[in-house]
Amino acid sequence: MGLSFSVAPEVRPLPPSLISPGAHRGKGWEEVTEQAIRALAARGKPLVSILWGRDARNLRPLPGRLPAVESAHPSPMPADRGFFGSRPFSQANDLPMRQGGQPVDRRLP
């Protein structure tokens, strides 16, 4: 099953990535993530980072001066320590317009 973000309710045992914080560390995702951030930032188009949790906030320097929205991770454990009510998508929608871009269109096709 590897790294999973969600599984069907009947799946047991649950994959480690759903029950063990940090189970994904040291498996190469750090390099993939850093390269993706650098490539997106280099495009020169309006961009906003949404940084959820300490590990994500540690990546803050990578996109340089591009705007970022930061909050607690939305997982069940820390969600009540800053995620609930933080409105990250509303904040992220405002930031591209400040860079001359358009608001994010989140409507499904």
PDB file of N, CA and C in Angstrom:
ATOM      1  N   MET A   1       0.828  -1.184   0.000  1.00  0.00           N
ATOM      2  CA  MET A   1       0.000   0.000   0.000  1.00  0.00           C
ATOM      3  C   MET A   1       0.872   1.246   0.000  1.00  0.00           C
ATOM      4  N   GLY A   2       2.044   1.203   0.604  1.00  0.00           N
ATOM      5  CA  GLY A   2       2.937   2.358   0.586  1.00  0.00           C
ATOM      6  C   GLY A   2       2.374   3.548   1.319  1.00  0.00           C
ATOM      7  N   LEU A   3       2.689   4.737   0.824  1.00  0.00           N
ATOM      8  CA  LEU A   3       2.173   5.963   1.430  1.00  0.00           C
ATOM      9  C   LEU A   3       0.738   6.174   0.978  1.00  0.00           C
ATOM     10  N   SER A   4      -0.142   6.341   1.930  1.00  0.00           N
ATOM     11  CA  SER A   4      -1.555   6.527   1.618  1.00  0.00           C
ATOM     12  C   SER A   4      -2.075   7.774   2.294  1.00  0.00           C
ATOM     13  N   PHE A   5      -2.948   8.476   1.605  1.00  0.00           N
ATOM     14  CA  PHE A   5      -3.590   9.647   2.184  1.00  0.00           C
ATOM     15  C   PHE A   5      -4.985   9.297   2.665  1.00  0.00           C
ATOM     16  N   SER A   6      -5.567   8.244   2.098  1.00  0.00           N
ATOM     17  CA  SER A   6      -6.850   7.735   2.566  1.00  0.00           C
ATOM     18  C   SER A   6      -7.014   6.322   2.031  1.00  0.00           C
ATOM     19  N   VAL A   7      -7.809   5.547   2.714  1.00  0.00           N
ATOM     20  CA  VAL A   7      -8.103   4.184   2.284  1.00  0.00           C
ATOM     21  C   VAL A   7      -9.578   3.920   2.551  1.00  0.00           C
ATOM     22  N   ALA A   8     -10.105   2.891   1.914  1.00  0.00           N
ATOM     23  CA  ALA A   8     -11.493   2.502   2.148  1.00  0.00           C
ATOM     24  C   ALA A   8     -11.660   2.076   3.609  1.00  0.00           C
ATOM     25  N   PRO A   9     -12.842   2.273   4.187  1.00  0.00           N
ATOM     26  CA  PRO A   9     -13.053   1.955   5.606  1.00  0.00           C
ATOM     27  C   PRO A   9     -12.720   0.519   5.981  1.00  0.00           C
ATOM     28  N   GLU A  10     -12.884  -0.422   5.046  1.00  0.00           N
ATOM     29  CA  GLU A  10     -12.645  -1.831   5.380  1.00  0.00           C
ATOM     30  C   GLU A  10     -11.167  -2.233   5.311  1.00  0.00           C
ATOM     31  N   VAL A  11     -10.292  -1.369   4.857  1.00  0.00           N
ATOM     32  CA  VAL A  11      -8.872  -1.712   4.732  1.00  0.00           C
ATOM     33  C   VAL A  11      -8.244  -1.824   6.114  1.00  0.00           C
ATOM     34  N   ARG A  12      -7.707  -2.995   6.407  1.00  0.00           N
ATOM     35  CA  ARG A  12      -7.001  -3.245   7.665  1.00  0.00           C
ATOM     36  C   ARG A  12      -5.849  -4.174   7.367  1.00  0.00           C
ATOM     37  N   PRO A  13      -4.712  -4.047   7.946  1.00  0.00           N
ATOM     38  CA  PRO A  13      -4.364  -2.958   8.854  1.00  0.00           C
ATOM     39  C   PRO A  13      -4.202  -1.653   8.086  1.00  0.00           C
ATOM     40  N   LEU A  14      -4.339  -0.556   8.800  1.00  0.00           N
ATOM     41  CA  LEU A  14      -4.129   0.747   8.182  1.00  0.00           C
ATOM     42  C   LEU A  14      -2.667   0.907   7.802  1.00  0.00           C
ATOM     43  N   PRO A  15      -2.380   1.563   6.681  1.00  0.00           N
ATOM     44  CA  PRO A  15      -0.984   1.801   6.306  1.00  0.00           C
ATOM     45  C   PRO A  15      -0.305   2.715   7.319  1.00  0.00           C
ATOM     46  N   PRO A  16       0.988   2.516   7.557  1.00  0.00           N
ATOM     47  CA  PRO A  16       1.713   3.325   8.548  1.00  0.00           C
ATOM     48  C   PRO A  16       1.594   4.825   8.320  1.00  0.00           C
ATOM     49  N   SER A  17       1.481   5.247   7.060  1.00  0.00           N
ATOM     50  CA  SER A  17       1.418   6.688   6.790  1.00  0.00           C
ATOM     51  C   SER A  17       0.152   7.325   7.347  1.00  0.00           C
ATOM     52  N   LEU A  18      -0.864   6.521   7.669  1.00  0.00           N
ATOM     53  CA  LEU A  18      -2.091   7.065   8.235  1.00  0.00           C
ATOM     54  C   LEU A  18      -2.121   7.021   9.756  1.00  0.00           C
ATOM     55  N   ILE A  19      -1.215   6.259  10.365  1.00  0.00           N
ATOM     56  CA  ILE A  19      -1.250   6.142  11.827  1.00  0.00           C
ATOM     57  C   ILE A  19       0.041   6.575  12.504  1.00  0.00           C
ATOM     58  N   SER A  20       1.082   6.770  11.742  1.00  0.00           N
ATOM     59  CA  SER A  20       2.378   7.130  12.324  1.00  0.00           C
ATOM     60  C   SER A  20       2.861   8.454  11.749  1.00  0.00           C
ATOM     61  N   PRO A  21       2.735   9.540  12.515  1.00  0.00           N
ATOM     62  CA  PRO A  21       3.243  10.816  12.005  1.00  0.00           C
ATOM     63  C   PRO A  21       4.712  10.690  11.605  1.00  0.00           C
ATOM     64  N   GLY A  22       5.038  11.197  10.446  1.00  0.00           N
ATOM     65  CA  GLY A  22       6.425  11.170   9.993  1.00  0.00           C
ATOM     66  C   GLY A  22       6.851   9.856   9.366  1.00  0.00           C
ATOM     67  N   ALA A  23       5.913   8.913   9.148  1.00  0.00           N
ATOM     68  CA  ALA A  23       6.286   7.622   8.570  1.00  0.00           C
ATOM     69  C   ALA A  23       6.878   7.779   7.170  1.00  0.00           C
ATOM     70  N   HIS A  24       6.632   8.898   6.530  1.00  0.00           N
ATOM     71  CA  HIS A  24       7.128   9.144   5.176  1.00  0.00           C
ATOM     72  C   HIS A  24       8.534   9.737   5.165  1.00  0.00           C
ATOM     73  N   ARG A  25       9.049  10.148   6.327  1.00  0.00           N
ATOM     74  CA  ARG A  25      10.364  10.801   6.373  1.00  0.00           C
ATOM     75  C   ARG A  25      11.480   9.835   5.973  1.00  0.00           C
ATOM     76  N   GLY A  26      12.466  10.380   5.288  1.00  0.00           N
ATOM     77  CA  GLY A  26      13.645   9.602   4.940  1.00  0.00           C
ATOM     78  C   GLY A  26      13.438   8.608   3.815  1.00  0.00           C
ATOM     79  N   LYS A  27      12.372   8.744   3.059  1.00  0.00           N
ATOM     80  CA  LYS A  27      12.092   7.803   1.977  1.00  0.00           C
ATOM     81  C   LYS A  27      12.259   8.451   0.600  1.00  0.00           C
ATOM     82  N   GLY A  28      12.842   9.652   0.569  1.00  0.00           N
ATOM     83  CA  GLY A  28      13.087  10.324  -0.699  1.00  0.00           C
ATOM     84  C   GLY A  28      12.078  11.396  -1.066  1.00  0.00           C
ATOM     85  N   TRP A  29      10.978  11.492  -0.317  1.00  0.00           N
ATOM     86  CA  TRP A  29       9.957  12.493  -0.628  1.00  0.00           C
ATOM     87  C   TRP A  29      10.457  13.908  -0.408  1.00  0.00           C
ATOM     88  N   GLU A  30      11.405  14.080   0.491  1.00  0.00           N
ATOM     89  CA  GLU A  30      11.927  15.424   0.760  1.00  0.00           C
ATOM     90  C   GLU A  30      12.538  16.027  -0.503  1.00  0.00           C
ATOM     91  N   GLU A  31      13.338  15.254  -1.201  1.00  0.00           N
ATOM     92  CA  GLU A  31      13.993  15.743  -2.422  1.00  0.00           C
ATOM     93  C   GLU A  31      12.968  16.013  -3.525  1.00  0.00           C
ATOM     94  N   VAL A  32      12.006  15.113  -3.674  1.00  0.00           N
ATOM     95  CA  VAL A  32      10.953  15.308  -4.678  1.00  0.00           C
ATOM     96  C   VAL A  32      10.195  16.601  -4.389  1.00  0.00           C
ATOM     97  N   THR A  33       9.829  16.791  -3.132  1.00  0.00           N
ATOM     98  CA  THR A  33       9.073  17.976  -2.735  1.00  0.00           C
ATOM     99  C   THR A  33       9.878  19.246  -2.978  1.00  0.00           C
ATOM    100  N   GLU A  34      11.139  19.249  -2.569  1.00  0.00           N
ATOM    101  CA  GLU A  34      11.977  20.440  -2.741  1.00  0.00           C
ATOM    102  C   GLU A  34      12.151  20.790  -4.215  1.00  0.00           C
ATOM    103  N   GLN A  35      12.380  19.793  -5.055  1.00  0.00           N
ATOM    104  CA  GLN A  35      12.553  20.060  -6.489  1.00  0.00           C
ATOM    105  C   GLN A  35      11.257  20.575  -7.117  1.00  0.00           C
ATOM    106  N   ALA A  36      10.122  20.034  -6.695  1.00  0.00           N
ATOM    107  CA  ALA A  36       8.836  20.506  -7.218  1.00  0.00           C
ATOM    108  C   ALA A  36       8.598  21.961  -6.830  1.00  0.00           C
ATOM    109  N   ILE A  37       8.901  22.311  -5.586  1.00  0.00           N
ATOM    110  CA  ILE A  37       8.719  23.694  -5.132  1.00  0.00           C
ATOM    111  C   ILE A  37       9.617  24.633  -5.924  1.00  0.00           C
ATOM    112  N   ARG A  38      10.872  24.255  -6.102  1.00  0.00           N
ATOM    113  CA  ARG A  38      11.802  25.106  -6.856  1.00  0.00           C
ATOM    114  C   ARG A  38      11.337  25.291  -8.304  1.00  0.00           C
ATOM    115  N   ALA A  39      10.879  24.203  -8.925  1.00  0.00           N
ATOM    116  CA  ALA A  39      10.424  24.285 -10.319  1.00  0.00           C
ATOM    117  C   ALA A  39       9.196  25.187 -10.446  1.00  0.00           C
ATOM    118  N   LEU A  40       8.263  25.057  -9.529  1.00  0.00           N
ATOM    119  CA  LEU A  40       7.071  25.913  -9.575  1.00  0.00           C
ATOM    120  C   LEU A  40       7.432  27.374  -9.351  1.00  0.00           C
ATOM    121  N   ALA A  41       8.309  27.640  -8.402  1.00  0.00           N
ATOM    122  CA  ALA A  41       8.706  29.021  -8.103  1.00  0.00           C
ATOM    123  C   ALA A  41       9.453  29.646  -9.280  1.00  0.00           C
ATOM    124  N   ALA A  42      10.199  28.844 -10.034  1.00  0.00           N
ATOM    125  CA  ALA A  42      10.992  29.360 -11.156  1.00  0.00           C
ATOM    126  C   ALA A  42      10.128  29.746 -12.356  1.00  0.00           C
ATOM    127  N   ARG A  43       8.885  29.317 -12.407  1.00  0.00           N
ATOM    128  CA  ARG A  43       8.020  29.642 -13.549  1.00  0.00           C
ATOM    129  C   ARG A  43       7.742  31.125 -13.660  1.00  0.00           C
ATOM    130  N   GLY A  44       7.807  31.838 -12.547  1.00  0.00           N
ATOM    131  CA  GLY A  44       7.563  33.273 -12.577  1.00  0.00           C
ATOM    132  C   GLY A  44       6.102  33.661 -12.686  1.00  0.00           C
ATOM    133  N   LYS A  45       5.205  32.728 -12.451  1.00  0.00           N
ATOM    134  CA  LYS A  45       3.770  33.007 -12.494  1.00  0.00           C
ATOM    135  C   LYS A  45       3.250  33.116 -11.066  1.00  0.00           C
ATOM    136  N   PRO A  46       2.094  33.748 -10.871  1.00  0.00           N
ATOM    137  CA  PRO A  46       1.542  33.839  -9.516  1.00  0.00           C
ATOM    138  C   PRO A  46       1.460  32.459  -8.857  1.00  0.00           C
ATOM    139  N   LEU A  47       1.894  32.412  -7.626  1.00  0.00           N
ATOM    140  CA  LEU A  47       1.980  31.146  -6.902  1.00  0.00           C
ATOM    141  C   LEU A  47       1.810  31.419  -5.419  1.00  0.00           C
ATOM    142  N   VAL A  48       1.128  30.524  -4.741  1.00  0.00           N
ATOM    143  CA  VAL A  48       0.945  30.617  -3.298  1.00  0.00           C
ATOM    144  C   VAL A  48       1.283  29.263  -2.700  1.00  0.00           C
ATOM    145  N   SER A  49       2.049  29.260  -1.631  1.00  0.00           N
ATOM    146  CA  SER A  49       2.331  28.033  -0.891  1.00  0.00           C
ATOM    147  C   SER A  49       1.333  27.914   0.245  1.00  0.00           C
ATOM    148  N   ILE A  50       0.789  26.728   0.437  1.00  0.00           N
ATOM    149  CA  ILE A  50      -0.024  26.440   1.617  1.00  0.00           C
ATOM    150  C   ILE A  50       0.781  25.450   2.435  1.00  0.00           C
ATOM    151  N   LEU A  51       1.250  25.907   3.579  1.00  0.00           N
ATOM    152  CA  LEU A  51       2.168  25.129   4.409  1.00  0.00           C
ATOM    153  C   LEU A  51       1.445  24.672   5.668  1.00  0.00           C
ATOM    154  N   TRP A  52       1.118  23.393   5.706  1.00  0.00           N
ATOM    155  CA  TRP A  52       0.389  22.829   6.840  1.00  0.00           C
ATOM    156  C   TRP A  52       1.337  22.012   7.698  1.00  0.00           C
ATOM    157  N   GLY A  53       1.564  22.445   8.914  1.00  0.00           N
ATOM    158  CA  GLY A  53       2.391  21.702   9.854  1.00  0.00           C
ATOM    159  C   GLY A  53       3.836  22.151   9.852  1.00  0.00           C
ATOM    160  N   ARG A  54       4.561  21.691  10.866  1.00  0.00           N
ATOM    161  CA  ARG A  54       5.953  22.096  11.076  1.00  0.00           C
ATOM    162  C   ARG A  54       6.855  21.697   9.911  1.00  0.00           C
ATOM    163  N   ASP A  55       6.712  20.470   9.428  1.00  0.00           N
ATOM    164  CA  ASP A  55       7.583  20.030   8.334  1.00  0.00           C
ATOM    165  C   ASP A  55       7.401  20.908   7.100  1.00  0.00           C
ATOM    166  N   ALA A  56       6.169  21.244   6.789  1.00  0.00           N
ATOM    167  CA  ALA A  56       5.912  22.110   5.629  1.00  0.00           C
ATOM    168  C   ALA A  56       6.457  23.514   5.869  1.00  0.00           C
ATOM    169  N   ARG A  57       6.265  24.031   7.068  1.00  0.00           N
ATOM    170  CA  ARG A  57       6.761  25.389   7.359  1.00  0.00           C
ATOM    171  C   ARG A  57       8.278  25.450   7.270  1.00  0.00           C
ATOM    172  N   ASN A  58       8.950  24.347   7.513  1.00  0.00           N
ATOM    173  CA  ASN A  58      10.411  24.324   7.374  1.00  0.00           C
ATOM    174  C   ASN A  58      10.846  24.490   5.918  1.00  0.00           C
ATOM    175  N   LEU A  59       9.938  24.264   4.976  1.00  0.00           N
ATOM    176  CA  LEU A  59      10.240  24.444   3.549  1.00  0.00           C
ATOM    177  C   LEU A  59      10.022  25.881   3.092  1.00  0.00           C
ATOM    178  N   ARG A  60       9.588  26.741   3.967  1.00  0.00           N
ATOM    179  CA  ARG A  60       9.238  28.129   3.635  1.00  0.00           C
ATOM    180  C   ARG A  60      10.301  28.857   2.817  1.00  0.00           C
ATOM    181  N   PRO A  61      11.590  28.700   3.099  1.00  0.00           N
ATOM    182  CA  PRO A  61      12.588  29.445   2.310  1.00  0.00           C
ATOM    183  C   PRO A  61      12.674  29.029   0.837  1.00  0.00           C
ATOM    184  N   LEU A  62      12.219  27.834   0.474  1.00  0.00           N
ATOM    185  CA  LEU A  62      12.409  27.342  -0.893  1.00  0.00           C
ATOM    186  C   LEU A  62      11.754  28.206  -1.963  1.00  0.00           C
ATOM    187  N   PRO A  63      10.494  28.612  -1.809  1.00  0.00           N
ATOM    188  CA  PRO A  63       9.931  29.442  -2.880  1.00  0.00           C
ATOM    189  C   PRO A  63      10.363  30.899  -2.813  1.00  0.00           C
ATOM    190  N   GLY A  64      11.277  31.216  -1.930  1.00  0.00           N
ATOM    191  CA  GLY A  64      11.777  32.584  -1.853  1.00  0.00           C
ATOM    192  C   GLY A  64      10.751  33.545  -1.307  1.00  0.00           C
ATOM    193  N   ARG A  65      10.547  34.620  -2.031  1.00  0.00           N
ATOM    194  CA  ARG A  65       9.673  35.687  -1.545  1.00  0.00           C
ATOM    195  C   ARG A  65       8.209  35.482  -1.921  1.00  0.00           C
ATOM    196  N   LEU A  66       7.876  34.348  -2.475  1.00  0.00           N
ATOM    197  CA  LEU A  66       6.487  34.091  -2.837  1.00  0.00           C
ATOM    198  C   LEU A  66       5.635  33.991  -1.577  1.00  0.00           C
ATOM    199  N   PRO A  67       4.391  34.439  -1.650  1.00  0.00           N
ATOM    200  CA  PRO A  67       3.541  34.422  -0.459  1.00  0.00           C
ATOM    201  C   PRO A  67       3.181  33.005  -0.029  1.00  0.00           C
ATOM    202  N   ALA A  68       2.915  32.868   1.257  1.00  0.00           N
ATOM    203  CA  ALA A  68       2.554  31.566   1.811  1.00  0.00           C
ATOM    204  C   ALA A  68       1.481  31.737   2.874  1.00  0.00           C
ATOM    205  N   VAL A  69       0.646  30.735   2.978  1.00  0.00           N
ATOM    206  CA  VAL A  69      -0.345  30.624   4.042  1.00  0.00           C
ATOM    207  C   VAL A  69       0.151  29.504   4.940  1.00  0.00           C
ATOM    208  N   GLU A  70       0.245  29.763   6.228  1.00  0.00           N
ATOM    209  CA  GLU A  70       0.753  28.765   7.164  1.00  0.00           C
ATOM    210  C   GLU A  70      -0.273  28.492   8.251  1.00  0.00           C
ATOM    211  N   SER A  71      -0.406  27.213   8.614  1.00  0.00           N
ATOM    212  CA  SER A  71      -1.275  26.852   9.733  1.00  0.00           C
ATOM    213  C   SER A  71      -0.872  25.476  10.240  1.00  0.00           C
ATOM    214  N   ALA A  72      -1.555  25.050  11.292  1.00  0.00           N
ATOM    215  CA  ALA A  72      -1.350  23.697  11.798  1.00  0.00           C
ATOM    216  C   ALA A  72      -1.768  22.700  10.719  1.00  0.00           C
ATOM    217  N   HIS A  73      -1.265  21.482  10.822  1.00  0.00           N
ATOM    218  CA  HIS A  73      -1.638  20.427   9.891  1.00  0.00           C
ATOM    219  C   HIS A  73      -3.099  20.048  10.129  1.00  0.00           C
ATOM    220  N   PRO A  74      -3.852  19.750   9.054  1.00  0.00           N
ATOM    221  CA  PRO A  74      -5.270  19.430   9.237  1.00  0.00           C
ATOM    222  C   PRO A  74      -5.556  18.021   9.744  1.00  0.00           C
ATOM    223  N   SER A  75      -4.534  17.248  10.090  1.00  0.00           N
ATOM    224  CA  SER A  75      -4.803  15.906  10.612  1.00  0.00           C
ATOM    225  C   SER A  75      -5.580  16.016  11.919  1.00  0.00           C
ATOM    226  N   PRO A  76      -6.253  14.956  12.331  1.00  0.00           N
ATOM    227  CA  PRO A  76      -7.097  15.035  13.531  1.00  0.00           C
ATOM    228  C   PRO A  76      -6.362  15.451  14.800  1.00  0.00           C
ATOM    229  N   MET A  77      -5.103  15.060  14.955  1.00  0.00           N
ATOM    230  CA  MET A  77      -4.413  15.369  16.214  1.00  0.00           C
ATOM    231  C   MET A  77      -4.212  16.867  16.432  1.00  0.00           C
ATOM    232  N   PRO A  78      -3.566  17.605  15.510  1.00  0.00           N
ATOM    233  CA  PRO A  78      -3.334  19.026  15.795  1.00  0.00           C
ATOM    234  C   PRO A  78      -4.378  19.975  15.221  1.00  0.00           C
ATOM    235  N   ALA A  79      -5.435  19.451  14.628  1.00  0.00           N
ATOM    236  CA  ALA A  79      -6.381  20.325  13.930  1.00  0.00           C
ATOM    237  C   ALA A  79      -6.981  21.380  14.843  1.00  0.00           C
ATOM    238  N   ASP A  80      -7.171  21.040  16.104  1.00  0.00           N
ATOM    239  CA  ASP A  80      -7.763  22.021  17.019  1.00  0.00           C
ATOM    240  C   ASP A  80      -6.727  22.990  17.576  1.00  0.00           C
ATOM    241  N   ARG A  81      -5.486  22.865  17.124  1.00  0.00           N
ATOM    242  CA  ARG A  81      -4.424  23.772  17.570  1.00  0.00           C
ATOM    243  C   ARG A  81      -4.063  24.790  16.498  1.00  0.00           C
ATOM    244  N   GLY A  82      -5.034  25.209  15.724  1.00  0.00           N
ATOM    245  CA  GLY A  82      -4.747  26.261  14.761  1.00  0.00           C
ATOM    246  C   GLY A  82      -5.286  26.040  13.371  1.00  0.00           C
ATOM    247  N   PHE A  83      -5.685  24.819  13.035  1.00  0.00           N
ATOM    248  CA  PHE A  83      -6.202  24.619  11.679  1.00  0.00           C
ATOM    249  C   PHE A  83      -7.658  25.042  11.569  1.00  0.00           C
ATOM    250  N   PHE A  84      -8.493  24.596  12.520  1.00  0.00           N
ATOM    251  CA  PHE A  84      -9.915  24.945  12.464  1.00  0.00           C
ATOM    252  C   PHE A  84     -10.071  26.455  12.477  1.00  0.00           C
ATOM    253  N   GLY A  85     -10.791  26.965  11.507  1.00  0.00           N
ATOM    254  CA  GLY A  85     -11.039  28.399  11.432  1.00  0.00           C
ATOM    255  C   GLY A  85      -9.940  29.201  10.768  1.00  0.00           C
ATOM    256  N   SER A  86      -8.856  28.558  10.345  1.00  0.00           N
ATOM    257  CA  SER A  86      -7.741  29.308   9.750  1.00  0.00           C
ATOM    258  C   SER A  86      -8.027  29.732   8.306  1.00  0.00           C
ATOM    259  N   ARG A  87      -9.002  29.121   7.668  1.00  0.00           N
ATOM    260  CA  ARG A  87      -9.434  29.482   6.314  1.00  0.00           C
ATOM    261  C   ARG A  87      -8.267  29.563   5.312  1.00  0.00           C
ATOM    262  N   PRO A  88      -7.449  28.505   5.219  1.00  0.00           N
ATOM    263  CA  PRO A  88      -6.275  28.575   4.344  1.00  0.00           C
ATOM    264  C   PRO A  88      -6.614  28.778   2.872  1.00  0.00           C
ATOM    265  N   PHE A  89      -7.716  28.205   2.408  1.00  0.00           N
ATOM    266  CA  PHE A  89      -8.037  28.356   0.988  1.00  0.00           C
ATOM    267  C   PHE A  89      -8.532  29.761   0.676  1.00  0.00           C
ATOM    268  N   SER A  90      -9.269  30.359   1.588  1.00  0.00           N
ATOM    269  CA  SER A  90      -9.696  31.750   1.386  1.00  0.00           C
ATOM    270  C   SER A  90      -8.483  32.670   1.356  1.00  0.00           C
ATOM    271  N   GLN A  91      -7.553  32.447   2.282  1.00  0.00           N
ATOM    272  CA  GLN A  91      -6.331  33.262   2.294  1.00  0.00           C
ATOM    273  C   GLN A  91      -5.541  33.054   1.007  1.00  0.00           C
ATOM    274  N   ALA A  92      -5.418  31.793   0.596  1.00  0.00           N
ATOM    275  CA  ALA A  92      -4.641  31.487  -0.613  1.00  0.00           C
ATOM    276  C   ALA A  92      -5.301  32.067  -1.855  1.00  0.00           C
ATOM    277  N   ASN A  93      -6.603  32.222  -1.836  1.00  0.00           N
ATOM    278  CA  ASN A  93      -7.299  32.782  -2.988  1.00  0.00           C
ATOM    279  C   ASN A  93      -6.991  34.267  -3.152  1.00  0.00           C
ATOM    280  N   ASP A  94      -6.776  34.968  -2.062  1.00  0.00           N
ATOM    281  CA  ASP A  94      -6.481  36.402  -2.124  1.00  0.00           C
ATOM    282  C   ASP A  94      -5.061  36.688  -2.615  1.00  0.00           C
ATOM    283  N   LEU A  95      -4.122  35.836  -2.283  1.00  0.00           N
ATOM    284  CA  LEU A  95      -2.710  36.121  -2.558  1.00  0.00           C
ATOM    285  C   LEU A  95      -2.346  36.185  -4.043  1.00  0.00           C
ATOM    286  N   PRO A  96      -2.849  35.306  -4.918  1.00  0.00           N
ATOM    287  CA  PRO A  96      -2.479  35.444  -6.341  1.00  0.00           C
ATOM    288  C   PRO A  96      -2.929  36.774  -6.940  1.00  0.00           C
ATOM    289  N   MET A  97      -4.061  37.277  -6.468  1.00  0.00           N
ATOM    290  CA  MET A  97      -4.549  38.552  -7.008  1.00  0.00           C
ATOM    291  C   MET A  97      -3.588  39.681  -6.666  1.00  0.00           C
ATOM    292  N   ARG A  98      -2.922  39.595  -5.531  1.00  0.00           N
ATOM    293  CA  ARG A  98      -1.928  40.611  -5.158  1.00  0.00           C
ATOM    294  C   ARG A  98      -0.695  40.540  -6.049  1.00  0.00           C
ATOM    295  N   GLN A  99      -0.505  39.401  -6.740  1.00  0.00           N
ATOM    296  CA  GLN A  99       0.626  39.225  -7.650  1.00  0.00           C
ATOM    297  C   GLN A  99       0.215  39.475  -9.103  1.00  0.00           C
ATOM    298  N   GLY A 100      -1.003  39.960  -9.303  1.00  0.00           N
ATOM    299  CA  GLY A 100      -1.474  40.211 -10.656  1.00  0.00           C
ATOM    300  C   GLY A 100      -2.158  39.023 -11.294  1.00  0.00           C
ATOM    301  N   GLY A 101      -2.422  37.983 -10.522  1.00  0.00           N
ATOM    302  CA  GLY A 101      -3.072  36.793 -11.059  1.00  0.00           C
ATOM    303  C   GLY A 101      -4.565  36.794 -10.812  1.00  0.00           C
ATOM    304  N   GLN A 102      -5.162  35.671 -11.051  1.00  0.00           N
ATOM    305  CA  GLN A 102      -6.599  35.482 -10.877  1.00  0.00           C
ATOM    306  C   GLN A 102      -6.854  34.640  -9.625  1.00  0.00           C
ATOM    307  N   PRO A 103      -8.040  34.781  -9.032  1.00  0.00           N
ATOM    308  CA  PRO A 103      -8.372  33.897  -7.918  1.00  0.00           C
ATOM    309  C   PRO A 103      -8.452  32.454  -8.411  1.00  0.00           C
ATOM    310  N   VAL A 104      -8.240  31.518  -7.536  1.00  0.00           N
ATOM    311  CA  VAL A 104      -8.288  30.104  -7.891  1.00  0.00           C
ATOM    312  C   VAL A 104      -9.742  29.714  -8.151  1.00  0.00           C
ATOM    313  N   ASP A 105      -9.970  29.037  -9.265  1.00  0.00           N
ATOM    314  CA  ASP A 105     -11.307  28.542  -9.598  1.00  0.00           C
ATOM    315  C   ASP A 105     -11.380  27.098  -9.122  1.00  0.00           C
ATOM    316  N   ARG A 106     -12.110  26.858  -8.058  1.00  0.00           N
ATOM    317  CA  ARG A 106     -12.193  25.519  -7.471  1.00  0.00           C
ATOM    318  C   ARG A 106     -13.457  24.770  -7.882  1.00  0.00           C
ATOM    319  N   ARG A 107     -14.163  25.299  -8.861  1.00  0.00           N
ATOM    320  CA  ARG A 107     -15.367  24.598  -9.321  1.00  0.00           C
ATOM    321  C   ARG A 107     -14.970  23.328 -10.060  1.00  0.00           C
ATOM    322  N   LEU A 108     -15.745  22.292  -9.847  1.00  0.00           N
ATOM    323  CA  LEU A 108     -15.511  21.044 -10.564  1.00  0.00           C
ATOM    324  C   LEU A 108     -16.077  21.167 -11.972  1.00  0.00           C
ATOM    325  N   PRO A 109     -15.425  20.523 -12.951  1.00  0.00           N
ATOM    326  CA  PRO A 109     -15.924  20.612 -14.334  1.00  0.00           C
ATOM    327  C   PRO A 109     -17.283  19.950 -14.479  1.00  0.00           C
TER     328      PRO A 109
END
